[in-house]
Amino acid sequence: MRTVDKAQVLADVGVDVVLNSREEDVAARIMDITGGESVAAVFDGVAKDTFDLGLKVLARDGTRVSYGNASGNVIGFDVDRLRETNLCLMRPSMSGYVRTRVEFVGFVEKLFDFIAGLDKMGLKGSMYSLAQVQDAYRDLEGRKTQGKLLLKL
């Protein structure tokens, strides 16, 4: 799936602004959109390749949530970089939120409700058989997927 197609899908479901990191200076665009105020929060599943950008576009007292490692781990981060504008850095993990079976079942129900909502918006994603796991990985890495990516067991 081309990035232009993804942007259109997001626009169709009501997203006001879609940024394309391959075709525009994301930091400059964010500053333009916010009138130079930056953003209150950044949620990032990429990590190494986008970490500095996420800090750059955060407003004073902003929160950066790093929840994935798609491009690899962030190595050698100096925590004093957060002090300059009083930033908060979070690195949550599922094990920090889900400790009991009751919590697990509750979160799974919420996840399935969320997925059902995506399906209603036309964001069904892609289904791969377990034998196609390498294709799924290549498509995900190449940004050819949209919505969720599922492996059928």
Protein backbone atom coordinates (compact mmCIF):
# COMPACT_ATOMS: atom_id res chain seq x y z
CA MET A 1 0.00 0.00 0.00
CA ARG A 2 1.42 3.38 -0.98
CA THR A 3 1.77 6.13 1.63
CA VAL A 4 -0.62 8.33 -0.38
CA ASP A 5 -3.28 5.62 -0.08
CA LYS A 6 -2.74 5.42 3.68
CA ALA A 7 -3.08 9.18 4.00
CA GLN A 8 -6.38 9.07 2.11
CA VAL A 9 -7.73 6.28 4.31
CA LEU A 10 -6.89 8.31 7.41
CA ALA A 11 -8.48 11.43 5.96
CA ASP A 12 -11.61 9.42 5.11
CA VAL A 13 -12.05 8.41 8.76
CA GLY A 14 -11.66 11.96 10.04
CA VAL A 15 -7.96 12.49 10.70
CA ASP A 16 -7.32 16.21 10.25
CA VAL A 17 -3.58 16.14 9.51
CA VAL A 18 -1.49 13.35 8.01
CA LEU A 19 2.29 13.74 7.86
CA ASN A 20 4.48 11.84 5.43
CA SER A 21 8.01 11.49 6.77
CA ARG A 22 9.29 10.39 3.37
CA GLU A 23 8.12 13.52 1.58
CA GLU A 24 8.22 16.37 4.09
CA ASP A 25 10.16 17.82 6.99
CA VAL A 26 7.98 16.52 9.82
CA ALA A 27 9.44 18.81 12.50
CA ALA A 28 8.93 21.92 10.37
CA ARG A 29 5.38 20.84 9.47
CA ILE A 30 4.49 20.21 13.12
CA MET A 31 5.81 23.64 14.08
CA ASP A 32 3.75 25.16 11.27
CA ILE A 33 0.57 23.30 12.26
CA THR A 34 0.93 24.22 15.93
CA GLY A 35 1.89 27.84 15.31
CA GLY A 36 5.33 27.18 16.76
CA GLU A 37 3.97 25.67 19.97
CA SER A 38 5.01 22.04 19.30
CA VAL A 39 2.95 19.11 20.62
CA ALA A 40 2.00 17.99 24.12
CA ALA A 41 2.72 14.30 23.50
CA VAL A 42 4.55 12.00 21.11
CA PHE A 43 3.74 8.28 20.87
CA ASP A 44 6.49 6.40 19.07
CA GLY A 45 6.77 2.75 18.12
CA VAL A 46 9.82 3.23 15.89
CA ALA A 47 12.49 4.24 18.45
CA LYS A 48 16.06 4.75 17.21
CA ASP A 49 15.28 6.51 13.90
CA THR A 50 12.63 8.84 15.33
CA PHE A 51 13.71 9.39 18.92
CA ASP A 52 15.40 12.75 18.43
CA LEU A 53 12.59 14.02 16.21
CA GLY A 54 10.09 13.14 18.93
CA LEU A 55 12.03 15.19 21.49
CA LYS A 56 12.48 18.08 19.06
CA VAL A 57 8.74 18.55 18.48
CA LEU A 58 7.67 18.28 22.12
CA ALA A 59 6.39 21.40 23.84
CA ARG A 60 7.55 22.39 27.30
CA ASP A 61 6.23 19.91 29.90
CA GLY A 62 5.49 17.43 27.08
CA THR A 63 5.42 13.66 27.32
CA ARG A 64 7.22 11.26 25.01
CA VAL A 65 5.94 7.68 25.07
CA SER A 66 8.33 5.18 23.50
CA TYR A 67 6.53 1.85 23.15
CA GLY A 68 8.33 -0.01 20.36
CA ASN A 69 11.64 -0.72 18.64
CA ALA A 70 10.81 -0.92 14.93
CA SER A 71 14.15 0.66 13.96
CA GLY A 72 16.12 -0.65 16.94
CA ASN A 73 16.81 0.38 20.52
CA VAL A 74 17.76 3.91 21.51
CA ILE A 75 21.31 3.65 22.83
CA GLY A 76 23.22 6.15 24.97
CA PHE A 77 20.41 8.58 25.74
CA ASP A 78 21.43 11.34 28.16
CA VAL A 79 18.50 11.84 30.54
CA ASP A 80 19.60 15.44 31.16
CA ARG A 81 18.21 16.30 27.71
CA LEU A 82 14.76 16.13 29.32
CA ARG A 83 15.56 18.82 31.87
CA GLU A 84 15.86 21.72 29.43
CA THR A 85 12.11 21.86 28.73
CA ASN A 86 10.86 19.72 31.61
CA LEU A 87 9.95 16.70 29.47
CA CYS A 88 8.60 13.36 30.64
CA LEU A 89 9.82 10.13 29.01
CA MET A 90 7.82 6.92 29.37
CA ARG A 91 8.73 3.39 28.29
CA PRO A 92 5.65 1.30 29.09
CA SER A 93 5.36 -2.43 28.55
CA MET A 94 2.42 -4.78 28.62
CA SER A 95 3.80 -6.63 31.65
CA GLY A 96 3.61 -3.39 33.60
CA TYR A 97 -0.13 -3.14 32.96
CA VAL A 98 -1.28 -6.76 32.85
CA ARG A 99 -0.42 -8.79 35.94
CA THR A 100 -3.51 -10.89 36.59
CA ARG A 101 -5.86 -13.01 34.50
CA VAL A 102 -8.72 -10.60 35.22
CA GLU A 103 -6.66 -7.67 33.90
CA PHE A 104 -5.65 -9.71 30.85
CA VAL A 105 -9.25 -10.61 29.98
CA GLY A 106 -10.35 -6.99 30.45
CA PHE A 107 -7.65 -5.66 28.14
CA VAL A 108 -8.32 -8.35 25.52
CA GLU A 109 -12.00 -7.38 25.47
CA LYS A 110 -11.03 -3.72 24.97
CA LEU A 111 -8.61 -4.74 22.20
CA PHE A 112 -11.27 -6.71 20.34
CA ASP A 113 -13.71 -3.80 20.68
CA PHE A 114 -11.04 -1.51 19.24
CA ILE A 115 -10.36 -3.89 16.33
CA ALA A 116 -14.09 -4.13 15.61
CA GLY A 117 -14.17 -0.32 15.46
CA LEU A 118 -11.31 -0.30 12.95
CA ASP A 119 -13.15 -2.82 10.80
CA LYS A 120 -16.24 -0.56 10.82
CA MET A 121 -14.05 2.31 9.58
CA GLY A 122 -12.69 0.19 6.74
CA LEU A 123 -9.26 -0.30 8.32
CA LYS A 124 -9.32 -4.09 8.17
CA GLY A 125 -5.63 -4.57 7.57
CA SER A 126 -3.93 -7.62 6.10
CA MET A 127 -4.10 -11.34 6.85
CA TYR A 128 -1.12 -13.66 6.26
CA SER A 129 -0.78 -17.39 6.81
CA LEU A 130 1.98 -18.53 9.13
CA ALA A 131 3.85 -19.77 6.06
CA GLN A 132 3.81 -16.17 4.76
CA VAL A 133 5.42 -14.68 7.87
CA GLN A 134 8.47 -13.51 5.89
CA ASP A 135 6.21 -11.74 3.39
CA ALA A 136 4.31 -10.13 6.25
CA TYR A 137 7.54 -8.90 7.81
CA ARG A 138 8.80 -7.48 4.48
CA ASP A 139 5.48 -5.75 3.83
CA LEU A 140 5.42 -4.28 7.32
CA GLU A 141 9.02 -3.12 7.08
CA GLY A 142 8.38 -1.68 3.61
CA ARG A 143 5.31 0.22 4.84
CA LYS A 144 3.05 -1.69 2.48
CA THR A 145 0.46 -2.56 5.10
CA GLN A 146 -2.49 -0.61 6.40
CA GLY A 147 -4.37 -1.15 9.64
CA LYS A 148 -3.55 -4.27 11.59
CA LEU A 149 -1.42 -7.12 10.30
CA LEU A 150 -2.60 -10.57 11.36
CA LEU A 151 -1.02 -14.02 11.12
CA LYS A 152 -3.46 -16.89 10.73
CA LEU A 153 -2.35 -19.96 12.67
